Structure formats: C-alpha cells, structure tokens
Amino acid sequence: MYIEAVGSSGSKNTDCKLVCMKLGNRVLIDAGSAALIPDDELDLVDVVLLTHAHLDHILDLGFILDSMVSRRTRPLVVMGSEACLGIVKKHYMNGLLWPDFSKIRVNSKPILEYRVIADEVWTDLPGDVECMSVPVNHPAGARGFLFRSNGKTIVYSGDTGPTEKLWKIAREYGEPSAVIIEVSFPNSKRHIAMASDHLCPALADDELSKLDYKNADTYVFHMKPWFAEKIIKELDLLNRTVTLLKPGKRIEFI
C-alpha cells in the first residue's frame, strides 16, 4: 500500500497542481487535480476521501464525475466529515453550480454516493487500508487522517493550523512510517498562516515536536507557489530532515 501525490500544491498555476493523492489504486485523498489522472486509472477508483471542502481540494471532483458518468457502472463514494459533505452538496453539486450527480443513475444506482466518515474510529477503505478521521484546526469540516496498512501507520495532517488531537491520537499508535504535513507560508507570513489556519516552517516544526517521533520520514505539501523558494530555504534550516512531496512521489507503508 502507498500514498502517491498527483498534485501537492496549495494553489494553482502552470507548474503547480492542486492537492490530490492516490491511496493505492482505489482511493483518492482529495480531488484538486484528480482530472489529470488517466481514465483507466480513474476507473479503478471507488472512494474519494475529502479532507475538507475548500475549492483547491474538491475542484476536480465534478470533472471526474462528468467523465465517469458515460462509462461507470458503480457509484463513486465520496467520504468526509458531515460538515464537509454538506458544503459540497449545498454549494457545488447542487444542480446550479454543477449537476447533482447523486440524482443521476446508472444501472438503477446513483453515480455519486455520499458517506459520512466517523471521527476517531478506524474505518475500512478499499485496498486493504484503514483510515481514522481526526478533527484539525481548519475550516470547512477539515480532518486529518491516520492511515494504517500492513501494520504500519502514516499520519496525514490535511490543511491545518496548530492543532492537538491529531498528534495526541497518533502518539497512541507508536512510531509512524511517515508523516505528511502541510506548510503553506514562509515564516515571514506567520501572521497570515495563523489567520487562515495554516502552517509555516516554524509552526510545522512545533507541530512535529508534539508527535515526538525519531525515525519516521517527514514530507511537506501545500506550499503556496509564490512562496515556495522561501519556504524551502526555511525548511532546510530546521533541525530535522524533510522532503517535498512532489507529484509522482510515492510513500510506501513500510
């Protein structure tokens, strides 16, 4: 089992792709750039797991459903917190801004099925992987996740500012295989990071200290492209090794 970045940026331009991760070949984490996945790979996907309902994380959900409706014979399950799914249904898939695909049927079944994921319990996902949803410090029904497969755990922050429960629960499961944490702004924009419930390198370092791990690999995503150079320099100054989670990078549960 693995997590592989399709897109990992905190905004969009000609070089940067919005956040979307493959969790194996049957689950997507967010759908910001999901339409860039080839059709034959998309056809294998059963679940899109949303961290929250901000546009950079849900943008291509509508476009992949648009492409699937003519060839798919089973529902695409979209999972997330109740608040997150409520926003998607009310403000995106509402029959006004975009079609309500939950009302479009193929083989007498809806092409889109919403499913609320419970917090702080392990939930089975397709592909021999479990997920635990944990509230984090960010709007739009935001959740971070613990993913578990083959007895190994990966911690995924999603979008968040300084938070507590995710790290507390993660500590209960011992040393993770990897930690994937957002860093959106440079330290000079710490005030913007705090106001928007995001992290800068110094704040991310504080968050990682709460996990108190020693050997897990650490990956950073969600950088705002116009600050990327500054953020990378500041990450290099931290007293820990971090890797940028670029498109195509795969993290194995080992």
Protein backbone atom coordinates (compact mmCIF):
# COMPACT_ATOMS: atom_id res chain seq x y z
CA MET A 1 0.00 0.00 0.00
CA TYR A 2 1.19 3.51 -0.76
CA ILE A 3 0.32 7.20 -0.94
CA GLU A 4 1.31 8.86 -4.22
CA ALA A 5 0.99 12.56 -4.99
CA VAL A 6 -0.96 13.56 -8.09
CA GLY A 7 -0.89 17.20 -7.03
CA SER A 8 0.51 18.70 -3.84
CA SER A 9 0.40 22.48 -4.17
CA GLY A 10 -1.50 24.99 -2.07
CA SER A 11 -2.55 26.89 -5.19
CA LYS A 12 -2.62 26.52 -8.96
CA ASN A 13 -0.53 27.82 -11.84
CA THR A 14 1.16 26.42 -14.94
CA ASP A 15 3.66 24.47 -12.84
CA CYS A 16 1.67 23.55 -9.74
CA LYS A 17 -1.14 21.03 -9.31
CA LEU A 18 -3.77 21.23 -6.59
CA VAL A 19 -3.86 18.62 -3.84
CA CYS A 20 -4.85 15.09 -4.81
CA MET A 21 -3.23 11.88 -3.55
CA LYS A 22 -3.67 8.26 -4.56
CA LEU A 23 -4.09 5.88 -1.63
CA GLY A 24 -3.34 2.71 -3.51
CA ASN A 25 -5.25 2.46 -6.78
CA ARG A 26 -8.80 2.50 -5.38
CA VAL A 27 -8.88 5.60 -3.13
CA LEU A 28 -8.13 9.27 -3.71
CA ILE A 29 -7.36 11.68 -0.89
CA ASP A 30 -8.90 14.96 -2.10
CA ALA A 31 -9.60 15.78 -5.74
CA GLY A 32 -8.00 19.13 -6.51
CA SER A 33 -6.21 17.83 -9.61
CA ALA A 34 -7.95 14.46 -9.99
CA ALA A 35 -8.92 15.13 -13.61
CA LEU A 36 -5.24 14.76 -14.54
CA ILE A 37 -5.37 11.04 -13.69
CA PRO A 38 -5.72 8.87 -16.82
CA ASP A 39 -9.19 7.39 -17.38
CA ASP A 40 -8.04 3.80 -17.00
CA GLU A 41 -6.68 4.62 -13.53
CA LEU A 42 -9.74 6.66 -12.56
CA ASP A 43 -11.95 3.71 -13.46
CA LEU A 44 -10.30 1.74 -10.63
CA VAL A 45 -11.16 4.38 -8.00
CA ASP A 46 -14.02 3.51 -5.65
CA VAL A 47 -13.65 6.23 -2.98
CA VAL A 48 -12.69 9.90 -2.84
CA LEU A 49 -11.82 10.80 0.74
CA LEU A 50 -12.06 14.55 1.33
CA THR A 51 -10.04 16.32 4.00
CA HIS A 52 -12.34 19.35 3.76
CA ALA A 53 -14.46 21.30 1.30
CA HIS A 54 -12.19 24.16 0.23
CA LEU A 55 -12.09 24.56 -3.54
CA ASP A 56 -8.44 23.58 -4.00
CA HIS A 57 -9.27 20.15 -2.55
CA ILE A 58 -12.57 19.44 -4.32
CA LEU A 59 -12.21 21.28 -7.65
CA ASP A 60 -11.90 18.29 -9.97
CA LEU A 61 -14.49 16.15 -8.22
CA GLY A 62 -17.12 17.48 -10.60
CA PHE A 63 -14.95 16.91 -13.65
CA ILE A 64 -14.07 13.30 -12.86
CA LEU A 65 -17.76 12.55 -12.27
CA ASP A 66 -18.54 14.20 -15.59
CA SER A 67 -16.06 11.88 -17.31
CA MET A 68 -17.20 8.77 -15.43
CA VAL A 69 -20.95 9.01 -15.97
CA SER A 70 -20.84 7.64 -19.52
CA ARG A 71 -18.81 4.55 -18.67
CA ARG A 72 -19.10 3.79 -14.95
CA THR A 73 -21.46 1.06 -13.68
CA ARG A 74 -20.97 1.51 -9.92
CA PRO A 75 -21.20 4.56 -7.62
CA LEU A 76 -18.22 6.71 -6.78
CA VAL A 77 -18.30 7.05 -2.98
CA VAL A 78 -17.30 10.46 -1.65
CA MET A 79 -16.40 10.37 2.03
CA GLY A 80 -15.72 13.15 4.51
CA SER A 81 -16.99 14.82 7.63
CA GLU A 82 -20.68 15.72 7.80
CA ALA A 83 -19.81 19.42 7.56
CA CYS A 84 -17.54 18.86 4.55
CA LEU A 85 -20.09 16.83 2.60
CA GLY A 86 -22.83 19.31 3.46
CA ILE A 87 -20.82 22.09 1.85
CA VAL A 88 -20.13 20.02 -1.27
CA LYS A 89 -23.82 19.17 -1.67
CA LYS A 90 -25.11 22.68 -0.99
CA HIS A 91 -22.54 24.79 -2.79
CA TYR A 92 -21.03 22.60 -5.54
CA MET A 93 -23.06 19.54 -6.57
CA ASN A 94 -26.32 21.43 -6.22
CA GLY A 95 -27.79 21.39 -9.72
CA LEU A 96 -26.87 25.06 -10.14
CA LEU A 97 -23.11 25.46 -9.99
CA TRP A 98 -22.70 21.85 -11.16
CA PRO A 99 -25.06 18.90 -11.70
CA ASP A 100 -26.21 16.95 -8.66
CA PHE A 101 -24.66 13.65 -9.65
CA SER A 102 -26.28 11.87 -6.71
CA LYS A 103 -29.53 12.12 -8.74
CA ILE A 104 -28.01 10.70 -11.91
CA ARG A 105 -28.44 6.93 -12.06
CA VAL A 106 -26.57 4.23 -13.91
CA ASN A 107 -27.91 0.66 -13.72
CA SER A 108 -30.53 1.96 -11.26
CA LYS A 109 -27.82 3.21 -8.88
CA PRO A 110 -26.64 6.79 -8.33
CA ILE A 111 -23.29 7.56 -9.92
CA LEU A 112 -22.36 9.51 -6.76
CA GLU A 113 -22.86 8.31 -3.19
CA TYR A 114 -22.04 10.45 -0.15
CA ARG A 115 -20.86 8.73 3.02
CA VAL A 116 -20.01 10.48 6.30
CA ILE A 117 -16.89 9.12 7.96
CA ALA A 118 -16.99 8.84 11.75
CA ASP A 119 -14.27 10.55 13.78
CA GLU A 120 -11.67 8.79 15.90
CA VAL A 121 -12.53 5.24 14.87
CA TRP A 122 -10.87 3.03 12.29
CA THR A 123 -12.82 2.78 9.05
CA ASP A 124 -12.09 0.20 6.34
CA LEU A 125 -11.30 1.56 2.89
CA PRO A 126 -10.89 -0.36 -0.36
CA GLY A 127 -7.48 -1.89 -0.93
CA ASP A 128 -6.60 -3.33 2.49
CA VAL A 129 -6.19 0.01 4.26
CA GLU A 130 -7.85 1.58 7.30
CA CYS A 131 -8.42 5.24 8.00
CA MET A 132 -9.01 7.25 11.17
CA SER A 133 -10.52 10.71 10.74
CA VAL A 134 -9.48 13.34 13.32
CA PRO A 135 -10.72 16.96 13.52
CA VAL A 136 -7.99 19.54 12.92
CA ASN A 137 -7.73 23.32 13.15
CA HIS A 138 -9.05 24.45 9.77
CA PRO A 139 -12.49 25.43 8.38
CA ALA A 140 -14.87 23.62 6.01
CA GLY A 141 -15.19 20.43 8.04
CA ALA A 142 -11.45 19.78 8.00
CA ARG A 143 -9.99 16.47 9.10
CA GLY A 144 -6.53 15.00 9.30
CA PHE A 145 -6.10 11.26 8.94
CA LEU A 146 -4.20 8.28 10.19
CA PHE A 147 -3.85 5.59 7.54
CA ARG A 148 -2.96 2.03 8.51
CA SER A 149 -1.94 -0.86 6.27
CA ASN A 150 0.23 -3.94 6.81
CA GLY A 151 0.60 -2.95 10.46
CA LYS A 152 2.17 0.42 9.53
CA THR A 153 0.73 3.91 10.01
CA ILE A 154 1.08 7.16 8.06
CA VAL A 155 -0.05 10.45 9.61
CA TYR A 156 -1.60 12.95 7.17
CA SER A 157 -2.31 16.43 8.52
CA GLY A 158 -4.50 17.75 5.72
CA ASP A 159 -4.85 21.52 5.90
CA THR A 160 -4.44 22.71 9.47
CA GLY A 161 -3.10 25.37 11.74
CA PRO A 162 -1.63 24.46 15.12
CA THR A 163 -3.66 21.52 16.40
CA GLU A 164 -3.54 18.94 19.19
CA LYS A 165 -5.80 15.91 18.85
CA LEU A 166 -4.26 14.54 15.65
CA TRP A 167 -0.81 14.30 17.24
CA LYS A 168 -2.17 13.01 20.55
CA ILE A 169 -4.01 10.15 18.85
CA ALA A 170 -1.08 9.42 16.53
CA ARG A 171 1.23 9.00 19.55
CA GLU A 172 -1.03 6.23 20.83
CA TYR A 173 -0.15 4.10 17.80
CA GLY A 174 3.60 4.36 18.12
CA GLU A 175 6.18 5.43 15.57
CA PRO A 176 4.58 6.06 12.16
CA SER A 177 6.18 5.05 8.88
CA ALA A 178 5.82 8.62 7.63
CA VAL A 179 4.31 11.98 8.47
CA ILE A 180 2.81 14.20 5.76
CA ILE A 181 2.30 17.77 6.96
CA GLU A 182 1.18 20.96 5.29
CA VAL A 183 3.35 24.08 5.11
CA SER A 184 1.63 26.89 3.22
CA PHE A 185 3.52 30.10 4.07
CA PRO A 186 7.07 31.23 4.95
CA ASN A 187 7.91 32.28 8.49
CA SER A 188 7.70 35.95 7.50
CA LYS A 189 3.98 35.38 6.79
CA ARG A 190 3.32 33.58 10.06
CA HIS A 191 0.51 36.02 10.83
CA ILE A 192 -1.26 35.05 7.60
CA ALA A 193 -0.73 31.36 8.33
CA MET A 194 -2.27 31.77 11.77
CA ALA A 195 -5.18 33.87 10.49
CA SER A 196 -6.00 31.30 7.78
CA ASP A 197 -5.36 28.19 9.92
CA HIS A 198 -2.27 27.04 8.06
CA LEU A 199 1.37 26.43 8.97
CA CYS A 200 4.75 27.96 8.22
CA PRO A 201 8.05 26.04 8.73
CA ALA A 202 8.48 27.19 12.34
CA LEU A 203 4.90 26.28 13.22
CA ALA A 204 5.21 22.92 11.44
CA ASP A 205 8.35 22.21 13.45
CA ASP A 206 6.38 22.88 16.63
CA GLU A 207 3.62 20.53 15.45
CA LEU A 208 6.04 17.74 14.62
CA SER A 209 7.57 18.08 18.09
CA LYS A 210 4.16 17.19 19.53
CA LEU A 211 4.32 13.84 17.77
CA ASP A 212 7.73 13.13 19.34
CA TYR A 213 8.95 10.65 16.73
CA LYS A 214 12.54 9.80 15.83
CA ASN A 215 12.77 7.76 12.65
CA ALA A 216 9.65 8.46 10.56
CA ASP A 217 10.17 10.16 7.22
CA THR A 218 8.60 13.63 7.02
CA TYR A 219 7.02 15.06 3.88
CA VAL A 220 5.77 18.61 3.28
CA PHE A 221 2.98 19.64 0.91
CA HIS A 222 0.56 22.52 0.20
CA MET A 223 3.15 25.26 -0.34
CA LYS A 224 1.82 28.44 -1.93
CA PRO A 225 3.81 28.56 -5.20
CA TRP A 226 4.84 32.21 -4.92
CA PHE A 227 6.47 31.48 -1.53
CA ALA A 228 8.00 28.12 -2.43
CA GLU A 229 11.62 29.28 -2.63
CA LYS A 230 11.47 30.96 0.78
CA ILE A 231 9.68 28.02 2.37
CA ILE A 232 12.24 25.53 1.04
CA LYS A 233 15.13 27.59 2.43
CA GLU A 234 13.44 27.80 5.83
CA LEU A 235 12.71 24.08 5.88
CA ASP A 236 16.41 23.44 5.22
CA LEU A 237 17.23 25.35 8.41
CA LEU A 238 15.09 23.10 10.62
CA ASN A 239 16.83 20.59 12.84
CA ARG A 240 15.10 17.74 11.05
CA THR A 241 15.06 16.21 7.58
CA VAL A 242 12.01 16.92 5.46
CA THR A 243 11.19 16.02 1.87
CA LEU A 244 8.97 17.95 -0.51
CA LEU A 245 6.02 15.81 -1.60
CA LYS A 246 6.12 16.43 -5.34
CA PRO A 247 3.76 14.94 -7.96
CA GLY A 248 4.74 11.36 -8.69
CA LYS A 249 6.38 10.81 -5.30
CA ARG A 250 5.22 7.57 -3.71
CA ILE A 251 5.34 6.82 0.03
CA GLU A 252 5.13 3.14 0.91
CA PHE A 253 3.70 1.71 4.15
CA ILE A 254 6.96 0.06 5.25
